[in-house]
Amino acid sequence: MAESQVIIGIHGLANKPEAETLKGWWKDSILEGLERNQGRTSRTLSFESVYWANVLYGAPIPDDENKEPYRKAEGPLKTYKDGWWDDLVAGLADAAATPLDLTKRYFGFDGIADAVLRAKLDDLATYYEKPKIRKELRDLLRAALEKHKDKRIMVIAHSMGTIIAYDVLRALGREDPARVIDHFVTIGSPLGLPHVKHKIYEENDLVRTPSVVRRWTNFADRRDPVAADVRLSGDYAPNNRGVEVRDDLVINGYKSPAGKANYHKSYGYLRAPEVSEAIRSSF
């Protein structure tokens, strides 16, 4: 990857390992995917990590308490097209694969009550309820975007990080319409939840693609409980350049050292074949 290009990653919900460890694991996940899915053997990758867990949690997860570290995947990295039937037959489709209408009925079409949101997504409740913290988290991403403003930028955001990134990119479009983000990639995103869309509408004129974005791809595993709405294209209007979000289903095959699957884990998303293809095609 040339020095004129950069991937900026922003992590998601819950506490994390220390910043440099997480940055290394994100980078290793991306490179593992590029090598195994695209045949790319170079270890060169211009990558910047936006780390905000310390703002909410103070100290990182100690190494000896981290039950879900990055580790290389065992077996093939399956595309959704090739792998969905295997997972279904194996009985891996759990409650998170409930049809979308049932999921939305559970959360409520008129938005998630703050009390329910707090119980489900504590970090997100803090983000919406505490303006000072919300600004601090946004400013971390703003600083990274400003640092690399003369480069081609791909933003990869995971989980709650997709909300922070979306909010920053919408604001950037108002403040500096000439700015360009080449590719906005969302993985395991809660942007389809009614409460989240309501908050976006409160702050913006329309729920749509940020105007500075030239391409937006949303990747989700149907079994990921945070990405309850795997199709954002029906929720977000195109921007003024006609850029629409493109949804793509993936198989998040992450398993912990104990063998426990986590369909929301960032490392599993980052090395999914479809995500590797998006990175390769952009840079």
Protein backbone atom coordinates (compact mmCIF):
# COMPACT_ATOMS: atom_id res chain seq x y z
CA MET A 1 0.00 0.00 0.00
CA ALA A 2 1.43 3.36 -1.04
CA GLU A 3 2.16 6.06 1.54
CA SER A 4 -0.50 8.20 -0.14
CA GLN A 5 -3.15 5.76 1.12
CA VAL A 6 -4.23 4.83 4.62
CA ILE A 7 -6.76 2.66 6.41
CA ILE A 8 -8.17 4.25 9.55
CA GLY A 9 -9.82 1.76 11.89
CA ILE A 10 -12.11 2.52 14.81
CA HIS A 11 -13.12 -0.22 17.24
CA GLY A 12 -16.46 -1.02 18.78
CA LEU A 13 -18.33 -1.76 22.00
CA ALA A 14 -16.84 -2.84 25.33
CA ASN A 15 -13.38 -2.62 26.85
CA LYS A 16 -10.35 -3.62 24.78
CA PRO A 17 -6.73 -4.72 25.20
CA GLU A 18 -4.19 -1.91 25.31
CA ALA A 19 -4.06 0.36 22.28
CA GLU A 20 -0.94 -0.97 20.56
CA THR A 21 -2.04 -4.57 21.01
CA LEU A 22 -5.44 -3.89 19.49
CA LYS A 23 -3.88 -1.97 16.61
CA GLY A 24 -1.55 -4.89 15.93
CA TRP A 25 -4.38 -7.42 16.04
CA TRP A 26 -6.54 -5.41 13.64
CA LYS A 27 -3.59 -5.09 11.28
CA ASP A 28 -2.77 -8.80 11.57
CA SER A 29 -6.42 -9.70 10.85
CA ILE A 30 -6.48 -7.54 7.73
CA LEU A 31 -3.15 -8.92 6.50
CA GLU A 32 -4.23 -12.50 7.22
CA GLY A 33 -7.30 -11.96 5.08
CA LEU A 34 -5.36 -10.34 2.25
CA GLU A 35 -2.83 -13.17 2.23
CA ARG A 36 -5.30 -16.03 2.43
CA ASN A 37 -8.06 -14.56 0.29
CA GLN A 38 -6.14 -12.41 -2.18
CA GLY A 39 -2.68 -13.99 -2.28
CA ARG A 40 -1.04 -10.77 -1.05
CA THR A 41 2.19 -11.61 0.77
CA SER A 42 3.49 -8.13 1.54
CA ARG A 43 3.29 -7.17 5.22
CA THR A 44 3.27 -3.47 4.38
CA LEU A 45 0.05 -1.77 5.42
CA SER A 46 -0.54 1.89 6.20
CA PHE A 47 -2.92 1.59 9.13
CA GLU A 48 -3.99 3.99 11.88
CA SER A 49 -6.09 2.90 14.84
CA VAL A 50 -8.54 5.19 16.62
CA TYR A 51 -8.70 3.91 20.19
CA TRP A 52 -11.40 5.16 22.55
CA ALA A 53 -11.94 2.37 25.11
CA ASN A 54 -9.71 4.19 27.62
CA VAL A 55 -12.13 7.14 27.66
CA LEU A 56 -14.94 4.91 28.95
CA TYR A 57 -13.01 2.26 30.87
CA GLY A 58 -9.69 3.79 31.95
CA ALA A 59 -7.51 0.67 32.10
CA PRO A 60 -7.42 -1.89 29.26
CA ILE A 61 -8.30 -5.57 29.59
CA PRO A 62 -5.30 -7.34 31.19
CA ASP A 63 -3.72 -9.93 28.92
CA ASP A 64 -4.50 -12.76 31.33
CA GLU A 65 -8.20 -11.80 31.39
CA ASN A 66 -8.69 -11.47 27.65
CA LYS A 67 -10.70 -14.52 26.60
CA GLU A 68 -11.01 -13.46 22.95
CA PRO A 69 -7.60 -12.44 21.60
CA TYR A 70 -6.69 -12.42 17.95
CA ARG A 71 -5.37 -15.68 16.62
CA LYS A 72 -5.09 -17.01 13.11
CA ALA A 73 -8.14 -18.79 11.81
CA GLU A 74 -8.16 -22.56 11.59
CA GLY A 75 -9.43 -23.99 8.33
CA PRO A 76 -10.66 -22.07 5.29
CA LEU A 77 -12.02 -18.54 5.37
CA LYS A 78 -15.39 -19.07 3.73
CA THR A 79 -17.31 -16.60 1.63
CA TYR A 80 -20.96 -16.18 2.55
CA LYS A 81 -21.93 -17.82 -0.74
CA ASP A 82 -19.81 -20.89 0.02
CA GLY A 83 -20.29 -21.13 3.76
CA TRP A 84 -23.85 -20.31 4.75
CA TRP A 85 -25.24 -23.76 4.06
CA ASP A 86 -22.46 -25.47 6.01
CA ASP A 87 -23.20 -23.30 9.03
CA LEU A 88 -26.93 -23.96 8.76
CA VAL A 89 -26.41 -27.71 8.57
CA ALA A 90 -24.00 -27.57 11.50
CA GLY A 91 -26.68 -25.89 13.57
CA LEU A 92 -24.73 -22.69 14.05
CA ALA A 93 -27.60 -20.41 13.11
CA ASP A 94 -28.74 -19.34 16.55
CA ALA A 95 -31.26 -16.84 17.93
CA ALA A 96 -29.41 -13.99 16.25
CA ALA A 97 -30.57 -15.41 12.92
CA THR A 98 -34.20 -14.75 13.82
CA PRO A 99 -35.94 -12.98 10.92
CA LEU A 100 -35.40 -9.26 10.93
CA ASP A 101 -39.03 -8.37 11.52
CA LEU A 102 -39.00 -10.33 14.80
CA THR A 103 -35.79 -8.65 15.89
CA LYS A 104 -37.20 -5.21 15.20
CA ARG A 105 -40.43 -6.13 16.98
CA TYR A 106 -38.38 -7.06 20.04
CA PHE A 107 -36.51 -3.76 20.05
CA GLY A 108 -39.56 -1.73 19.03
CA PHE A 109 -40.25 0.07 15.77
CA ASP A 110 -40.64 3.41 17.54
CA GLY A 111 -37.10 3.33 18.97
CA ILE A 112 -35.36 1.58 21.83
CA ALA A 113 -36.11 2.99 25.27
CA ASP A 114 -33.00 4.36 26.95
CA ALA A 115 -33.36 1.88 29.82
CA VAL A 116 -33.37 -1.06 27.42
CA LEU A 117 -30.51 0.40 25.43
CA ARG A 118 -28.48 0.83 28.60
CA ALA A 119 -28.99 -2.80 29.50
CA LYS A 120 -28.08 -4.00 26.02
CA LEU A 121 -25.41 -1.53 24.92
CA ASP A 122 -23.99 0.38 27.87
CA ASP A 123 -21.34 2.19 25.85
CA LEU A 124 -23.87 3.43 23.33
CA ALA A 125 -26.15 4.74 26.05
CA THR A 126 -23.20 6.66 27.51
CA TYR A 127 -22.39 8.05 24.07
CA TYR A 128 -25.88 9.45 23.59
CA GLU A 129 -26.46 10.62 27.14
CA LYS A 130 -23.12 12.36 27.85
CA PRO A 131 -22.27 15.12 25.33
CA LYS A 132 -18.75 15.67 26.68
CA ILE A 133 -17.81 12.03 26.16
CA ARG A 134 -19.53 11.97 22.77
CA LYS A 135 -17.44 14.94 21.63
CA GLU A 136 -14.24 13.38 22.96
CA LEU A 137 -14.83 10.14 21.05
CA ARG A 138 -15.66 12.00 17.86
CA ASP A 139 -12.61 14.23 18.21
CA LEU A 140 -10.31 11.21 18.28
CA LEU A 141 -11.50 10.17 14.82
CA ARG A 142 -11.51 13.76 13.60
CA ALA A 143 -7.84 14.07 14.55
CA ALA A 144 -6.93 10.94 12.57
CA LEU A 145 -8.86 12.14 9.51
CA GLU A 146 -7.18 15.54 9.72
CA LYS A 147 -3.74 13.94 10.07
CA HIS A 148 -4.24 12.02 6.82
CA LYS A 149 -6.38 14.52 4.93
CA ASP A 150 -4.00 14.62 1.95
CA LYS A 151 -4.20 10.85 1.46
CA ARG A 152 -6.75 8.46 0.04
CA ILE A 153 -8.64 7.24 3.09
CA MET A 154 -10.54 4.07 3.83
CA VAL A 155 -12.38 4.13 7.17
CA ILE A 156 -13.13 0.70 8.63
CA ALA A 157 -15.48 0.96 11.59
CA HIS A 158 -16.76 -1.84 13.81
CA SER A 159 -19.85 -2.01 16.01
CA MET A 160 -20.35 1.23 17.96
CA GLY A 161 -17.38 2.62 16.07
CA THR A 162 -19.64 2.72 13.00
CA ILE A 163 -21.92 5.17 14.81
CA ILE A 164 -19.04 7.41 15.88
CA ALA A 165 -17.62 7.31 12.35
CA TYR A 166 -20.98 7.99 10.71
CA ASP A 167 -21.62 10.99 12.96
CA VAL A 168 -18.16 12.43 12.30
CA LEU A 169 -18.45 11.96 8.53
CA ARG A 170 -21.86 13.62 8.43
CA ALA A 171 -20.49 16.61 10.36
CA LEU A 172 -17.42 16.72 8.14
CA GLY A 173 -19.65 16.99 5.09
CA ARG A 174 -21.25 20.12 6.51
CA GLU A 175 -18.01 21.70 7.67
CA ASP A 176 -15.74 20.82 4.74
CA PRO A 177 -17.78 19.68 1.72
CA ALA A 178 -14.66 19.33 -0.43
CA ARG A 179 -13.21 16.55 1.75
CA VAL A 180 -13.25 13.03 0.34
CA ILE A 181 -13.38 9.67 2.10
CA ASP A 182 -12.74 7.09 -0.60
CA HIS A 183 -14.38 4.13 1.13
CA PHE A 184 -16.42 3.86 4.31
CA VAL A 185 -16.58 0.24 5.50
CA THR A 186 -18.90 -0.75 8.34
CA ILE A 187 -18.67 -4.18 9.99
CA GLY A 188 -21.05 -5.57 12.59
CA SER A 189 -22.92 -2.28 12.65
CA PRO A 190 -25.94 -1.27 14.77
CA LEU A 191 -26.73 1.62 12.39
CA GLY A 192 -29.98 -0.09 11.41
CA LEU A 193 -31.47 0.00 14.91
CA PRO A 194 -34.48 2.34 15.15
CA HIS A 195 -33.09 4.23 18.16
CA VAL A 196 -29.79 4.88 16.38
CA LYS A 197 -31.54 6.15 13.25
CA HIS A 198 -33.71 8.38 15.41
CA LYS A 199 -30.62 9.91 17.01
CA ILE A 200 -29.12 10.50 13.56
CA TYR A 201 -32.32 12.20 12.43
CA GLU A 202 -32.29 14.44 15.51
CA GLU A 203 -28.83 15.72 14.61
CA ASN A 204 -29.09 15.76 10.82
CA ASP A 205 -31.57 16.69 8.14
CA LEU A 206 -31.86 13.18 6.74
CA VAL A 207 -30.73 9.61 7.39
CA ARG A 208 -28.44 9.15 4.40
CA THR A 209 -24.92 8.39 3.19
CA PRO A 210 -22.44 11.04 4.39
CA SER A 211 -21.74 13.51 1.59
CA VAL A 212 -17.94 13.15 1.83
CA VAL A 213 -18.13 9.40 1.21
CA ARG A 214 -17.51 8.10 -2.32
CA ARG A 215 -18.26 4.47 -1.48
CA TRP A 216 -19.95 2.80 1.49
CA THR A 217 -20.00 -0.96 2.04
CA ASN A 218 -21.73 -2.56 5.01
CA PHE A 219 -20.69 -6.09 6.00
CA ALA A 220 -22.72 -8.19 8.43
CA ASP A 221 -23.05 -11.77 9.62
CA ARG A 222 -26.71 -12.72 10.01
CA ARG A 223 -25.91 -14.28 13.39
CA ASP A 224 -24.37 -11.09 14.78
CA PRO A 225 -26.80 -9.75 17.42
CA VAL A 226 -25.42 -6.20 17.22
CA ALA A 227 -25.96 -6.03 13.45
CA ALA A 228 -29.65 -6.85 13.92
CA ASP A 229 -30.51 -5.13 10.64
CA VAL A 230 -28.06 -6.56 8.11
CA ARG A 231 -29.50 -4.43 5.30
CA LEU A 232 -28.81 -0.72 5.70
CA SER A 233 -29.65 0.10 2.09
CA GLY A 234 -33.34 0.31 2.91
CA ASP A 235 -32.71 2.71 5.78
CA TYR A 236 -30.14 5.17 4.40
CA ALA A 237 -30.85 7.39 1.41
CA PRO A 238 -28.12 8.19 -1.16
CA ASN A 239 -25.98 11.28 -0.65
CA ASN A 240 -26.01 14.23 -3.05
CA ARG A 241 -23.63 12.35 -5.37
CA GLY A 242 -25.92 9.36 -5.54
CA VAL A 243 -23.69 7.17 -3.37
CA GLU A 244 -25.71 4.42 -1.71
CA VAL A 245 -24.71 1.95 0.97
CA ARG A 246 -24.08 -1.50 -0.46
CA ASP A 247 -24.83 -4.40 1.88
CA ASP A 248 -22.83 -7.62 1.79
CA LEU A 249 -23.31 -10.69 3.98
CA VAL A 250 -20.26 -12.50 5.34
CA ILE A 251 -19.39 -15.48 7.52
CA ASN A 252 -17.67 -14.30 10.70
CA GLY A 253 -15.78 -17.43 11.66
CA TYR A 254 -14.00 -16.13 14.75
CA LYS A 255 -13.57 -18.60 17.60
CA SER A 256 -11.86 -17.99 20.92
CA PRO A 257 -8.97 -20.19 22.10
CA ALA A 258 -11.63 -22.10 24.07
CA GLY A 259 -13.51 -22.76 20.84
CA LYS A 260 -16.40 -20.37 21.47
CA ALA A 261 -17.81 -18.60 18.41
CA ASN A 262 -18.33 -14.84 18.44
CA TYR A 263 -20.16 -13.68 15.32
CA HIS A 264 -19.60 -10.03 16.26
CA LYS A 265 -15.82 -10.16 16.72
CA SER A 266 -13.86 -7.61 14.70
CA TYR A 267 -11.02 -10.00 13.82
CA GLY A 268 -13.43 -12.41 12.13
CA TYR A 269 -14.92 -9.61 10.07
CA LEU A 270 -11.59 -8.08 9.08
CA ARG A 271 -10.31 -11.31 7.50
CA ALA A 272 -13.57 -12.33 5.82
CA PRO A 273 -13.05 -12.85 2.05
CA GLU A 274 -15.57 -10.16 1.11
CA VAL A 275 -13.84 -7.59 3.32
CA SER A 276 -10.44 -8.53 1.89
CA GLU A 277 -11.81 -7.97 -1.60
CA ALA A 278 -13.14 -4.54 -0.62
CA ILE A 279 -9.73 -3.54 0.75
CA ARG A 280 -7.90 -4.86 -2.30
CA SER A 281 -10.25 -3.16 -4.75
CA SER A 282 -9.96 0.17 -2.94
CA PHE A 283 -6.19 0.17 -2.53
